[in-house]
PDB file of N, CA and C in Angstrom:
ATOM      1  N   MET A   1      88.190  75.597 105.210  1.00  0.00           N
ATOM      2  CA  MET A   1      89.223  76.254 104.332  1.00  0.00           C
ATOM      3  C   MET A   1      88.765  77.099 103.113  1.00  0.00           C
ATOM      4  N   SER A   2      89.276  77.996 102.726  1.00  0.00           N
ATOM      5  CA  SER A   2      89.184  78.959 101.801  1.00  0.00           C
ATOM      6  C   SER A   2      89.557  78.545 100.629  1.00  0.00           C
ATOM      7  N   GLN A   3      88.432  78.915  99.552  1.00  0.00           N
ATOM      8  CA  GLN A   3      89.391  78.477  98.377  1.00  0.00           C
ATOM      9  C   GLN A   3      88.886  79.853  97.520  1.00  0.00           C
ATOM     10  N   VAL A   4      90.192  80.595  96.787  1.00  0.00           N
ATOM     11  CA  VAL A   4      90.147  81.551  96.460  1.00  0.00           C
ATOM     12  C   VAL A   4      90.567  81.590  95.143  1.00  0.00           C
ATOM     13  N   ILE A   5      89.775  82.430  94.031  1.00  0.00           N
ATOM     14  CA  ILE A   5      90.192  82.431  92.410  1.00  0.00           C
ATOM     15  C   ILE A   5      90.862  83.905  92.214  1.00  0.00           C
ATOM     16  N   ILE A   6      92.203  83.793  91.912  1.00  0.00           N
ATOM     17  CA  ILE A   6      92.916  85.036  91.782  1.00  0.00           C
ATOM     18  C   ILE A   6      93.215  85.093  90.066  1.00  0.00           C
ATOM     19  N   VAL A   7      92.571  86.393  89.818  1.00  0.00           N
ATOM     20  CA  VAL A   7      93.077  86.903  88.347  1.00  0.00           C
ATOM     21  C   VAL A   7      94.238  87.975  88.269  1.00  0.00           C
ATOM     22  N   GLY A   8      94.920  87.489  87.535  1.00  0.00           N
ATOM     23  CA  GLY A   8      96.142  88.487  87.156  1.00  0.00           C
ATOM     24  C   GLY A   8      97.227  87.727  87.966  1.00  0.00           C
ATOM     25  N   SER A   9      98.612  88.125  87.694  1.00  0.00           N
ATOM     26  CA  SER A   9      99.719  87.614  88.340  1.00  0.00           C
ATOM     27  C   SER A   9     101.013  88.513  88.553  1.00  0.00           C
ATOM     28  N   GLY A  10     100.299  89.683  88.768  1.00  0.00           N
ATOM     29  CA  GLY A  10     101.487  90.839  89.242  1.00  0.00           C
ATOM     30  C   GLY A  10     101.910  90.598  90.565  1.00  0.00           C
ATOM     31  N   LEU A  11     102.526  91.215  91.039  1.00  0.00           N
ATOM     32  CA  LEU A  11     103.625  90.982  92.541  1.00  0.00           C
ATOM     33  C   LEU A  11     102.663  91.193  93.389  1.00  0.00           C
ATOM     34  N   SER A  12     101.776  92.013  93.309  1.00  0.00           N
ATOM     35  CA  SER A  12     100.800  92.663  94.439  1.00  0.00           C
ATOM     36  C   SER A  12      99.889  91.423  94.760  1.00  0.00           C
ATOM     37  N   VAL A  13      99.623  90.764  93.565  1.00  0.00           N
ATOM     38  CA  VAL A  13      98.273  89.863  93.632  1.00  0.00           C
ATOM     39  C   VAL A  13      99.068  88.279  94.243  1.00  0.00           C
ATOM     40  N   LEU A  14     100.288  88.332  93.579  1.00  0.00           N
ATOM     41  CA  LEU A  14     100.793  87.048  93.991  1.00  0.00           C
ATOM     42  C   LEU A  14     101.425  87.087  95.666  1.00  0.00           C
ATOM     43  N   SER A  15     101.560  88.466  95.935  1.00  0.00           N
ATOM     44  CA  SER A  15     101.799  88.484  97.410  1.00  0.00           C
ATOM     45  C   SER A  15     100.461  88.370  98.360  1.00  0.00           C
ATOM     46  N   ALA A  16      99.250  88.429  97.689  1.00  0.00           N
ATOM     47  CA  ALA A  16      97.652  88.119  98.426  1.00  0.00           C
ATOM     48  C   ALA A  16      97.736  86.530  98.353  1.00  0.00           C
ATOM     49  N   ALA A  17      98.185  85.983  97.069  1.00  0.00           N
ATOM     50  CA  ALA A  17      98.050  84.661  97.109  1.00  0.00           C
ATOM     51  C   ALA A  17      98.709  84.117  97.928  1.00  0.00           C
ATOM     52  N   HIS A  18      99.943  84.383  98.021  1.00  0.00           N
ATOM     53  CA  HIS A  18     100.766  83.663  99.149  1.00  0.00           C
ATOM     54  C   HIS A  18     100.451  83.937 100.632  1.00  0.00           C
ATOM     55  N   THR A  19      99.626  85.069 100.693  1.00  0.00           N
ATOM     56  CA  THR A  19      98.989  85.071 102.045  1.00  0.00           C
ATOM     57  C   THR A  19      97.994  84.314 102.324  1.00  0.00           C
ATOM     58  N   VAL A  20      97.196  84.034 101.445  1.00  0.00           N
ATOM     59  CA  VAL A  20      96.193  82.949 101.395  1.00  0.00           C
ATOM     60  C   VAL A  20      96.559  81.545 101.624  1.00  0.00           C
ATOM     61  N   LEU A  21      97.700  81.238 101.054  1.00  0.00           N
ATOM     62  CA  LEU A  21      98.398  79.847 101.314  1.00  0.00           C
ATOM     63  C   LEU A  21      98.778  79.670 102.593  1.00  0.00           C
ATOM     64  N   GLU A  22      99.511  80.760 103.196  1.00  0.00           N
ATOM     65  CA  GLU A  22     100.138  80.648 104.543  1.00  0.00           C
ATOM     66  C   GLU A  22      98.941  80.547 105.526  1.00  0.00           C
ATOM     67  N   ARG A  23      97.768  80.892 105.402  1.00  0.00           N
ATOM     68  CA  ARG A  23      96.651  80.898 106.149  1.00  0.00           C
ATOM     69  C   ARG A  23      95.974  79.390 106.011  1.00  0.00           C
ATOM     70  N   GLY A  24      96.220  78.832 105.076  1.00  0.00           N
ATOM     71  CA  GLY A  24      95.779  77.503 104.963  1.00  0.00           C
ATOM     72  C   GLY A  24      94.771  77.194 103.919  1.00  0.00           C
ATOM     73  N   GLY A  25      94.619  78.435 103.043  1.00  0.00           N
ATOM     74  CA  GLY A  25      93.496  78.161 102.027  1.00  0.00           C
ATOM     75  C   GLY A  25      94.270  77.642 100.723  1.00  0.00           C
ATOM     76  N   ASN A  26      93.430  77.403  99.657  1.00  0.00           N
ATOM     77  CA  ASN A  26      93.580  76.954  98.194  1.00  0.00           C
ATOM     78  C   ASN A  26      93.147  77.986  97.237  1.00  0.00           C
ATOM     79  N   ILE A  27      94.418  78.338  96.319  1.00  0.00           N
ATOM     80  CA  ILE A  27      93.781  79.227  95.354  1.00  0.00           C
ATOM     81  C   ILE A  27      93.851  78.705  94.047  1.00  0.00           C
ATOM     82  N   LEU A  28      93.646  79.393  93.128  1.00  0.00           N
ATOM     83  CA  LEU A  28      93.638  79.136  91.393  1.00  0.00           C
ATOM     84  C   LEU A  28      93.858  80.635  90.930  1.00  0.00           C
ATOM     85  N   VAL A  29      95.046  80.632  90.620  1.00  0.00           N
ATOM     86  CA  VAL A  29      95.549  81.690  89.820  1.00  0.00           C
ATOM     87  C   VAL A  29      95.218  81.906  88.277  1.00  0.00           C
ATOM     88  N   LEU A  30      94.848  82.548  87.733  1.00  0.00           N
ATOM     89  CA  LEU A  30      94.130  82.706  86.377  1.00  0.00           C
ATOM     90  C   LEU A  30      94.859  83.926  85.751  1.00  0.00           C
ATOM     91  N   ASP A  31      95.558  83.900  84.387  1.00  0.00           N
ATOM     92  CA  ASP A  31      96.172  85.023  84.096  1.00  0.00           C
ATOM     93  C   ASP A  31      96.221  84.870  82.220  1.00  0.00           C
ATOM     94  N   LYS A  32      95.898  86.209  81.746  1.00  0.00           N
ATOM     95  CA  LYS A  32      95.771  86.158  80.705  1.00  0.00           C
ATOM     96  C   LYS A  32      97.385  85.687  79.864  1.00  0.00           C
ATOM     97  N   ASN A  33      98.439  85.520  80.392  1.00  0.00           N
ATOM     98  CA  ASN A  33      99.654  85.451  79.806  1.00  0.00           C
ATOM     99  C   ASN A  33      99.905  84.077  80.109  1.00  0.00           C
ATOM    100  N   SER A  34     101.067  83.465  79.337  1.00  0.00           N
ATOM    101  CA  SER A  34     101.736  82.070  79.600  1.00  0.00           C
ATOM    102  C   SER A  34     102.648  82.306  80.786  1.00  0.00           C
ATOM    103  N   PHE A  35     102.857  83.435  81.320  1.00  0.00           N
ATOM    104  CA  PHE A  35     103.907  83.382  82.516  1.00  0.00           C
ATOM    105  C   PHE A  35     103.503  84.379  83.306  1.00  0.00           C
ATOM    106  N   PHE A  36     103.607  84.223  84.756  1.00  0.00           N
ATOM    107  CA  PHE A  36     103.532  85.189  85.868  1.00  0.00           C
ATOM    108  C   PHE A  36     104.421  86.427  85.700  1.00  0.00           C
ATOM    109  N   GLY A  37     103.590  87.231  86.771  1.00  0.00           N
ATOM    110  CA  GLY A  37     104.916  88.679  86.458  1.00  0.00           C
ATOM    111  C   GLY A  37     103.922  89.886  86.609  1.00  0.00           C
ATOM    112  N   GLY A  38     102.781  89.810  85.315  1.00  0.00           N
ATOM    113  CA  GLY A  38     101.919  91.274  85.216  1.00  0.00           C
ATOM    114  C   GLY A  38     102.841  92.145  84.798  1.00  0.00           C
ATOM    115  N   ASN A  39     102.718  93.341  85.125  1.00  0.00           N
ATOM    116  CA  ASN A  39     103.216  94.704  84.701  1.00  0.00           C
ATOM    117  C   ASN A  39     104.785  94.637  85.159  1.00  0.00           C
ATOM    118  N   SER A  40     105.021  94.019  86.111  1.00  0.00           N
ATOM    119  CA  SER A  40     106.441  93.729  86.821  1.00  0.00           C
ATOM    120  C   SER A  40     107.161  93.257  85.840  1.00  0.00           C
ATOM    121  N   THR A  41     106.801  92.458  84.896  1.00  0.00           N
ATOM    122  CA  THR A  41     107.835  91.918  84.182  1.00  0.00           C
ATOM    123  C   THR A  41     108.554  93.085  83.306  1.00  0.00           C
ATOM    124  N   ASN A  42     107.774  94.294  83.102  1.00  0.00           N
ATOM    125  CA  ASN A  42     108.331  95.219  82.227  1.00  0.00           C
ATOM    126  C   ASN A  42     109.241  96.255  82.873  1.00  0.00           C
ATOM    127  N   ALA A  43     109.461  96.188  84.027  1.00  0.00           N
ATOM    128  CA  ALA A  43     110.392  96.738  85.036  1.00  0.00           C
ATOM    129  C   ALA A  43     111.840  96.663  84.601  1.00  0.00           C
ATOM    130  N   THR A  44     112.275  97.879  83.890  1.00  0.00           N
ATOM    131  CA  THR A  44     113.767  97.433  83.511  1.00  0.00           C
ATOM    132  C   THR A  44     114.643  98.382  84.642  1.00  0.00           C
ATOM    133  N   SER A  45     113.994  99.086  85.332  1.00  0.00           N
ATOM    134  CA  SER A  45     115.315  99.502  86.453  1.00  0.00           C
ATOM    135  C   SER A  45     114.923  98.955  87.784  1.00  0.00           C
ATOM    136  N   GLY A  46     114.477  97.880  87.946  1.00  0.00           N
ATOM    137  CA  GLY A  46     114.205  97.128  89.205  1.00  0.00           C
ATOM    138  C   GLY A  46     112.580  97.332  89.620  1.00  0.00           C
ATOM    139  N   ILE A  47     112.630  96.622  90.723  1.00  0.00           N
ATOM    140  CA  ILE A  47     111.664  96.707  91.526  1.00  0.00           C
ATOM    141  C   ILE A  47     111.352  97.431  92.710  1.00  0.00           C
ATOM    142  N   ASN A  48     110.610  98.302  92.864  1.00  0.00           N
ATOM    143  CA  ASN A  48     110.643  99.120  94.341  1.00  0.00           C
ATOM    144  C   ASN A  48     110.053  98.423  95.355  1.00  0.00           C
ATOM    145  N   GLY A  49     110.799  98.492  96.364  1.00  0.00           N
ATOM    146  CA  GLY A  49     110.588  97.838  97.582  1.00  0.00           C
ATOM    147  C   GLY A  49     111.017  98.009  98.830  1.00  0.00           C
ATOM    148  N   ALA A  50     110.802  97.919  99.823  1.00  0.00           N
ATOM    149  CA  ALA A  50     111.572  98.294 101.327  1.00  0.00           C
ATOM    150  C   ALA A  50     112.502  98.024 101.285  1.00  0.00           C
ATOM    151  N   LEU A  51     113.761  98.800 101.702  1.00  0.00           N
ATOM    152  CA  LEU A  51     115.047  98.777 102.470  1.00  0.00           C
ATOM    153  C   LEU A  51     115.932  98.168 101.365  1.00  0.00           C
ATOM    154  N   THR A  52     115.569  98.727 100.191  1.00  0.00           N
ATOM    155  CA  THR A  52     116.756  98.762  99.188  1.00  0.00           C
ATOM    156  C   THR A  52     117.954  99.103  99.625  1.00  0.00           C
ATOM    157  N   LYS A  53     119.224  99.149  98.836  1.00  0.00           N
ATOM    158  CA  LYS A  53     120.484  99.694  99.187  1.00  0.00           C
ATOM    159  C   LYS A  53     120.465 101.248  99.306  1.00  0.00           C
ATOM    160  N   ILE A  54     119.741 101.602  98.112  1.00  0.00           N
ATOM    161  CA  ILE A  54     119.509 103.107  98.058  1.00  0.00           C
ATOM    162  C   ILE A  54     119.063 103.716  99.159  1.00  0.00           C
ATOM    163  N   GLN A  55     117.760 103.207  99.934  1.00  0.00           N
ATOM    164  CA  GLN A  55     117.040 103.474 100.708  1.00  0.00           C
ATOM    165  C   GLN A  55     117.710 103.615 102.148  1.00  0.00           C
ATOM    166  N   ILE A  56     118.640 102.581 102.512  1.00  0.00           N
ATOM    167  CA  ILE A  56     119.259 102.212 103.649  1.00  0.00           C
ATOM    168  C   ILE A  56     120.816 102.990 103.854  1.00  0.00           C
ATOM    169  N   GLY A  57     121.253 103.434 103.023  1.00  0.00           N
ATOM    170  CA  GLY A  57     122.861 104.203 103.033  1.00  0.00           C
ATOM    171  C   GLY A  57     123.305 104.540 101.869  1.00  0.00           C
ATOM    172  N   GLY A  58     124.747 104.971 102.226  1.00  0.00           N
ATOM    173  CA  GLY A  58     125.339 105.560 101.046  1.00  0.00           C
ATOM    174  C   GLY A  58     125.103 106.784 100.644  1.00  0.00           C
ATOM    175  N   GLU A  59     125.734 107.426  99.737  1.00  0.00           N
ATOM    176  CA  GLU A  59     125.775 109.019  98.980  1.00  0.00           C
ATOM    177  C   GLU A  59     124.455 108.929  98.405  1.00  0.00           C
ATOM    178  N   ASP A  60     123.713 108.278  98.084  1.00  0.00           N
ATOM    179  CA  ASP A  60     122.359 108.446  97.442  1.00  0.00           C
ATOM    180  C   ASP A  60     121.400 108.213  98.243  1.00  0.00           C
ATOM    181  N   GLU A  61     121.470 107.950  99.448  1.00  0.00           N
ATOM    182  CA  GLU A  61     120.232 107.615 100.341  1.00  0.00           C
ATOM    183  C   GLU A  61     119.279 108.541 100.424  1.00  0.00           C
ATOM    184  N   ILE A  62     118.262 107.802 100.397  1.00  0.00           N
ATOM    185  CA  ILE A  62     116.905 108.651 100.395  1.00  0.00           C
ATOM    186  C   ILE A  62     116.207 108.931 101.830  1.00  0.00           C
ATOM    187  N   LYS A  63     116.098 109.887 102.180  1.00  0.00           N
ATOM    188  CA  LYS A  63     115.650 110.347 103.567  1.00  0.00           C
ATOM    189  C   LYS A  63     114.086 110.360 103.839  1.00  0.00           C
ATOM    190  N   ASP A  64     113.788 109.431 104.516  1.00  0.00           N
ATOM    191  CA  ASP A  64     112.240 109.661 104.901  1.00  0.00           C
ATOM    192  C   ASP A  64     111.937 111.125 105.383  1.00  0.00           C
ATOM    193  N   ALA A  65     110.524 111.427 104.934  1.00  0.00           N
ATOM    194  CA  ALA A  65     110.292 113.088 105.188  1.00  0.00           C
ATOM    195  C   ALA A  65     110.703 113.164 106.890  1.00  0.00           C
ATOM    196  N   THR A  66     109.972 112.588 107.737  1.00  0.00           N
ATOM    197  CA  THR A  66     110.442 112.703 109.025  1.00  0.00           C
ATOM    198  C   THR A  66     111.306 113.048 109.526  1.00  0.00           C
ATOM    199  N   SER A  67     112.793 112.001 108.800  1.00  0.00           N
ATOM    200  CA  SER A  67     114.071 112.142 109.443  1.00  0.00           C
ATOM    201  C   SER A  67     114.780 113.343 108.733  1.00  0.00           C
ATOM    202  N   ALA A  68     114.280 113.726 107.417  1.00  0.00           N
ATOM    203  CA  ALA A  68     114.929 114.874 106.704  1.00  0.00           C
ATOM    204  C   ALA A  68     114.618 116.121 107.301  1.00  0.00           C
ATOM    205  N   SER A  69     113.582 116.168 108.211  1.00  0.00           N
ATOM    206  CA  SER A  69     113.047 117.732 108.577  1.00  0.00           C
ATOM    207  C   SER A  69     113.770 117.652 110.032  1.00  0.00           C
ATOM    208  N   ASN A  70     114.144 116.755 110.571  1.00  0.00           N
ATOM    209  CA  ASN A  70     115.239 116.694 111.983  1.00  0.00           C
ATOM    210  C   ASN A  70     116.574 117.297 111.732  1.00  0.00           C
TER     211      ASN A  70
END
């Protein structure tokens, strides 16, 4: 069983920690703050991610480069 020490607690680091847990490993998360989130806690206009409302439809839909050229 793997043992992993994770430094930081931003979204990408916690995603990696989750993967380790899913695969049966043990983790220890260390962060300088008393709360998790890293720089993501400073996001005031939302968190970028796949298949958001704007990406998948509506008048403000963002077209992928490949579909925009077709």
